[in-house]
Protein backbone atom coordinates (compact mmCIF):
# COMPACT_ATOMS: atom_id res chain seq x y z
CA GLN A 1 -14.10 23.45 -60.64
CA THR A 2 -16.48 21.58 -58.42
CA PRO A 3 -16.89 22.63 -54.81
CA PRO A 4 -15.31 20.26 -52.26
CA SER A 5 -17.72 17.77 -50.81
CA GLY A 6 -18.06 17.25 -47.03
CA PRO A 7 -17.14 19.57 -44.19
CA SER A 8 -14.16 21.85 -44.55
CA ARG A 9 -11.04 21.55 -42.49
CA ARG A 10 -11.90 24.73 -40.66
CA ALA A 11 -15.33 23.40 -39.65
CA ILE A 12 -13.78 20.16 -38.32
CA THR A 13 -11.16 22.13 -36.36
CA LEU A 14 -13.80 24.42 -34.88
CA ALA A 15 -15.99 21.45 -33.90
CA ALA A 16 -13.06 19.61 -32.28
CA GLY A 17 -12.01 22.78 -30.48
CA GLY A 18 -15.58 23.26 -29.24
CA VAL A 19 -15.70 19.71 -27.87
CA VAL A 20 -12.36 20.17 -26.09
CA LEU A 21 -13.52 23.51 -24.68
CA ILE A 22 -16.74 21.95 -23.38
CA LEU A 23 -14.78 19.11 -21.73
CA VAL A 24 -12.35 21.53 -20.09
CA VAL A 25 -15.16 23.74 -18.80
CA ALA A 26 -17.09 20.69 -17.53
CA LEU A 27 -13.97 19.36 -15.82
CA ALA A 28 -13.21 22.74 -14.22
CA ALA A 29 -16.80 23.05 -13.01
CA SER A 30 -16.74 19.51 -11.66
CA ARG A 31 -13.47 20.11 -9.81
CA LEU A 32 -14.63 23.38 -8.31
CA THR A 33 -18.05 22.18 -7.22
CA ARG A 34 -17.22 18.65 -6.02
CA PRO A 35 -17.31 18.74 -2.21
CA ASP A 36 -16.37 15.10 -1.86
CA VAL A 37 -14.02 12.35 -2.99
CA LEU A 38 -14.45 11.01 -6.52
CA PRO A 39 -17.04 8.22 -6.71
CA ASN A 40 -15.78 4.64 -6.92
CA LEU A 41 -12.50 5.48 -5.17
CA MET A 42 -11.07 2.56 -3.18
CA LEU A 43 -8.51 3.06 -0.42
CA ALA A 44 -6.89 -0.13 0.88
CA GLY A 45 -9.94 -2.16 -0.15
CA GLN A 46 -12.42 0.26 1.43
CA GLN A 47 -14.89 2.35 -0.55
CA VAL A 48 -14.20 6.02 0.19
CA GLY A 49 -15.83 7.51 -2.91
CA GLY A 50 -18.35 10.23 -2.14
CA MET A 51 -16.96 10.96 1.34
CA THR A 52 -16.40 14.51 2.50
CA ARG A 53 -12.87 15.45 3.49
CA ALA A 54 -13.75 15.11 7.20
CA GLU A 55 -15.22 11.64 6.61
CA LEU A 56 -12.13 10.67 4.60
CA GLU A 57 -9.83 11.87 7.39
CA SER A 58 -11.82 9.84 9.92
CA SER A 59 -11.71 6.75 7.71
CA VAL A 60 -7.94 7.05 7.21
CA ALA A 61 -7.40 7.53 10.96
CA LYS A 62 -9.37 4.33 11.60
CA LEU A 63 -7.38 2.47 8.93
CA ARG A 64 -4.14 3.75 10.47
CA ALA A 65 -5.17 2.50 13.93
CA GLU A 66 -6.19 -0.91 12.55
CA ARG A 67 -2.99 -1.37 10.54
CA SER A 68 -0.75 -0.35 13.44
CA THR A 69 -2.00 -3.33 15.50
CA ASP A 70 -1.64 -5.91 12.72
CA MET A 71 0.87 -8.58 13.68
CA VAL A 72 3.97 -9.71 11.83
CA THR A 73 5.38 -13.11 12.80
CA ALA A 74 8.76 -14.58 11.94
CA GLU A 75 9.13 -18.32 12.35
CA LEU A 76 12.10 -20.66 12.16
CA GLN A 77 11.60 -24.33 12.91
CA ASN A 78 9.65 -24.41 16.18
CA SER A 79 10.48 -20.87 17.28
CA ARG A 80 8.52 -17.77 16.44
CA ARG A 81 8.58 -14.10 17.26
CA SER A 82 5.74 -11.65 16.69
CA ALA A 83 5.30 -7.91 16.92
CA THR A 84 2.79 -5.28 15.83
CA ASN A 85 3.38 -3.14 12.78
CA ALA A 86 3.80 -0.10 15.04
CA THR A 87 6.48 -1.87 17.11
CA ILE A 88 8.39 -2.81 13.98
CA GLY A 89 8.29 0.78 12.66
CA PHE A 90 5.42 0.82 10.17
CA GLU A 91 2.67 3.41 10.08
CA ILE A 92 0.30 4.94 7.59
CA ASP A 93 0.96 8.62 6.94
CA ALA A 94 -2.61 9.82 7.48
CA GLU A 95 -2.13 13.34 6.12
CA ALA A 96 -0.39 12.18 2.93
CA THR A 97 -2.94 9.39 2.41
CA VAL A 98 -5.87 11.79 2.74
CA GLU A 99 -4.18 14.16 0.30
CA ALA A 100 -3.50 11.35 -2.21
CA ALA A 101 -7.16 10.29 -2.20
CA TRP A 102 -8.52 13.84 -2.19
CA ARG A 103 -6.24 14.90 -5.07
CA ARG A 104 -7.63 12.28 -7.47
CA GLY A 105 -9.68 14.18 -10.06
CA ARG A 106 -8.29 17.50 -8.82
CA GLN A 107 -4.82 17.36 -10.38
CA ALA A 108 -3.32 20.46 -11.97
CA ASN A 109 -2.96 18.51 -15.22
CA PRO A 110 -6.43 18.67 -16.82
CA LEU A 111 -5.88 15.49 -18.85
CA ALA A 112 -4.98 13.49 -15.74
CA ALA A 113 -7.98 14.94 -13.90
CA LEU A 114 -10.30 14.19 -16.82
CA THR A 115 -8.93 10.65 -17.02
CA ASP A 116 -9.66 10.15 -13.31
CA HIS A 117 -13.21 11.47 -13.72
CA LEU A 118 -13.83 9.13 -16.65
CA ARG A 119 -12.30 6.15 -14.85
CA ALA A 120 -14.40 6.89 -11.76
CA SER A 121 -17.52 7.02 -13.92
CA PHE A 122 -16.97 3.60 -15.45
CA GLY A 123 -14.94 1.70 -12.86
CA ALA A 124 -13.01 1.89 -9.62
CA ILE A 125 -9.85 3.85 -8.89
CA THR A 126 -7.54 2.32 -6.29
CA VAL A 127 -5.37 4.48 -4.05
CA GLU A 128 -2.85 2.83 -1.77
CA PRO A 129 -2.16 4.29 1.69
CA VAL A 130 1.07 6.24 1.97
CA ARG A 131 3.35 4.17 4.19
CA ARG A 132 6.14 5.30 6.46
CA ILE A 133 8.70 2.79 7.61
CA ASP A 134 11.23 3.61 10.31
CA ASP A 135 14.30 1.76 9.07
CA ALA A 136 16.05 2.01 12.44
CA LYS A 137 13.12 0.28 14.20
CA VAL A 138 12.96 -2.39 11.49
CA ASP A 139 16.69 -3.03 11.85
CA ARG A 140 16.40 -3.32 15.66
CA TRP A 141 13.49 -5.75 15.31
CA VAL A 142 15.40 -7.83 12.74
CA ASP A 143 18.51 -7.96 14.96
CA GLY A 144 16.44 -9.01 17.99
CA THR A 145 14.55 -11.59 15.97
CA VAL A 146 17.72 -13.11 14.53
CA THR A 147 19.03 -13.49 18.09
CA ALA A 148 15.74 -14.86 19.44
CA LEU A 149 15.26 -17.41 16.66
CA GLN A 150 18.77 -18.75 16.42
CA ALA A 151 19.35 -22.24 17.77
CA PRO A 152 22.85 -23.40 18.73
CA PRO A 153 24.18 -26.62 17.28
CA VAL A 154 23.60 -29.81 19.25
CA GLU A 155 26.51 -32.19 19.63
CA GLY A 156 25.82 -35.86 19.24
CA THR A 157 26.35 -37.96 22.33
CA VAL A 158 25.98 -41.49 23.51
CA ARG A 159 25.20 -42.26 27.15
CA PHE A 160 25.16 -45.55 28.90
CA ARG A 161 22.89 -46.22 31.81
CA GLY A 162 23.46 -49.76 32.87
CA VAL A 163 22.76 -51.83 29.78
CA GLU A 164 20.65 -49.09 28.20
CA VAL A 165 22.19 -46.89 25.51
CA ARG A 166 20.86 -43.37 25.03
CA ARG A 167 21.81 -41.63 21.87
CA ARG A 168 21.41 -37.99 20.95
CA ASP A 169 21.85 -37.21 17.28
CA PRO A 170 23.78 -34.10 16.32
CA ARG A 171 21.95 -31.16 14.76
CA PRO A 172 23.42 -28.13 13.09
CA GLY A 173 22.57 -24.76 14.56
CA THR A 174 20.12 -22.52 12.77
CA ARG A 175 20.12 -18.80 12.38
CA PRO A 176 17.80 -16.78 10.15
CA GLN A 177 19.47 -14.64 7.53
CA ALA A 178 19.09 -10.98 8.52
CA GLU A 179 18.54 -9.74 4.94
CA THR A 180 15.91 -12.41 4.21
CA LEU A 181 14.17 -11.59 7.46
CA ARG A 182 14.30 -7.85 6.74
CA SER A 183 12.94 -8.16 3.21
CA GLY A 184 10.20 -10.53 4.37
CA THR A 185 9.26 -8.14 7.20
CA VAL A 186 9.08 -5.10 4.93
CA GLU A 187 7.02 -7.09 2.41
CA ALA A 188 4.62 -8.20 5.15
CA LEU A 189 4.12 -4.62 6.26
């Protein structure tokens, strides 16, 4: 018999196992020694990669304050009603958002963590802020907006002033649909 040519199955298995072991050790070392957010991490369009936890918390607090004053406007014909996100019942959960960004690359699942590290090395990772919406506040705003934007119907009339005829054409009343307004509001938030 002739000896088999090429590396044996055992040698290939040992080499693959060695590569996996090196990756796991490198990942564990990276997770334990990284004092900051993964590089190339984007939070709501802002670069937060490389920030310390304190810097990340400050950045999220600033984002939360900015987003709470953003305006949402509902408009029907010539009427409009506006309110801030905070008034409507929207806010960013700062603690959960910080945790979501900080956790990237530090997951308990080593494959997910390794994937995040590789993605951060070759591109950006996007993390969305964790939102909280107070449904009761949204419903109150929708009810108030429906009332504020509704227009009663106008009856048609004809008036005579001497030989002059004044005509007023009829118009149907308008009222925004509460469900359309609610879904549009939540989408805008």
